[in-house]
Amino acid sequence: MSSASAPSLGRSKLAVSPQAISASRAAFVIGVTLLMALAAYYFVGVDEGTTSVFGKTLVLHEWVHDSRHLLGFPCH
């Protein structure tokens, strides 16, 4: 029995950069993510109507009421 050699698949070598995105792009993405996380934290955890940026209304508080309880924020 003779062994047949496998045909060459013609693989090409690709140059891979060690840096996937630039440092400035990464800083921008992290900054936007942090800003959105802080806004979500405020709307769900801090805004209770008495110190609301939307005036003396509980609309936002009532809108996220169940989320507040799920995440453990006191609201009563």
Protein backbone atom coordinates (compact mmCIF):
# COMPACT_ATOMS: atom_id res chain seq x y z
CA MET A 1 0.00 0.00 0.00
CA SER A 2 1.38 3.32 -0.96
CA SER A 3 0.48 6.47 0.87
CA ALA A 4 -0.78 9.31 -1.25
CA SER A 5 0.19 12.78 -0.21
CA ALA A 6 -2.58 15.26 0.46
CA PRO A 7 -2.93 17.95 -2.14
CA SER A 8 -1.78 21.42 -1.22
CA LEU A 9 -4.67 23.64 -0.19
CA GLY A 10 -2.91 26.80 -1.28
CA ARG A 11 -3.17 28.56 2.06
CA SER A 12 -2.05 32.15 1.99
CA LYS A 13 -0.49 33.84 4.98
CA LEU A 14 -2.38 36.83 6.31
CA ALA A 15 -0.72 39.61 8.24
CA VAL A 16 -2.61 40.24 11.47
CA SER A 17 -2.20 43.50 13.29
CA PRO A 18 -1.70 43.15 17.04
CA GLN A 19 -3.88 46.23 17.57
CA ALA A 20 -7.51 45.62 16.59
CA ILE A 21 -8.62 49.26 16.97
CA SER A 22 -6.72 52.46 17.55
CA ALA A 23 -6.27 53.84 21.05
CA SER A 24 -8.33 56.94 20.27
CA ARG A 25 -11.20 54.82 18.93
CA ALA A 26 -11.08 52.62 22.03
CA ALA A 27 -11.13 55.71 24.28
CA PHE A 28 -14.13 57.07 22.37
CA VAL A 29 -16.07 53.79 22.65
CA ILE A 30 -15.28 53.50 26.36
CA GLY A 31 -16.31 57.13 26.94
CA VAL A 32 -19.64 56.74 25.15
CA THR A 33 -20.32 53.47 26.98
CA LEU A 34 -19.54 55.10 30.33
CA LEU A 35 -21.81 58.06 29.56
CA MET A 36 -24.68 55.77 28.59
CA ALA A 37 -24.15 53.62 31.72
CA LEU A 38 -24.21 56.68 33.97
CA ALA A 39 -27.38 57.96 32.29
CA ALA A 40 -29.06 54.56 32.75
CA TYR A 41 -27.95 54.47 36.40
CA TYR A 42 -29.44 57.92 36.97
CA PHE A 43 -32.75 57.17 35.29
CA VAL A 44 -33.22 53.83 37.04
CA GLY A 45 -31.55 54.40 40.39
CA VAL A 46 -31.47 58.06 41.29
CA ASP A 47 -34.37 59.86 39.65
CA GLU A 48 -37.27 59.70 42.11
CA GLY A 49 -39.25 62.74 41.02
CA THR A 50 -38.23 65.04 43.88
CA THR A 51 -34.81 65.79 42.40
CA SER A 52 -35.70 64.94 38.84
CA VAL A 53 -34.13 66.84 35.95
CA PHE A 54 -37.59 66.72 34.37
CA GLY A 55 -39.27 68.73 37.12
CA LYS A 56 -41.53 67.60 39.94
CA THR A 57 -43.02 64.63 38.15
CA LEU A 58 -42.99 60.92 38.95
CA VAL A 59 -43.51 59.80 35.37
CA LEU A 60 -39.94 58.55 34.93
CA HIS A 61 -39.96 56.96 38.39
CA GLU A 62 -43.14 55.04 37.62
CA TRP A 63 -41.84 54.02 34.19
CA VAL A 64 -38.79 52.26 35.69
CA HIS A 65 -40.44 51.26 38.98
CA ASP A 66 -40.18 47.49 38.53
CA SER A 67 -36.58 47.79 37.33
CA ARG A 68 -35.72 49.63 40.52
CA HIS A 69 -37.08 46.77 42.65
CA LEU A 70 -35.39 44.13 40.48
CA LEU A 71 -32.01 45.85 40.86
CA GLY A 72 -32.44 46.40 44.61
CA PHE A 73 -32.89 50.18 44.67
CA PRO A 74 -35.18 51.38 47.45
CA CYS A 75 -37.98 53.59 46.18
CA HIS A 76 -40.66 53.73 48.87
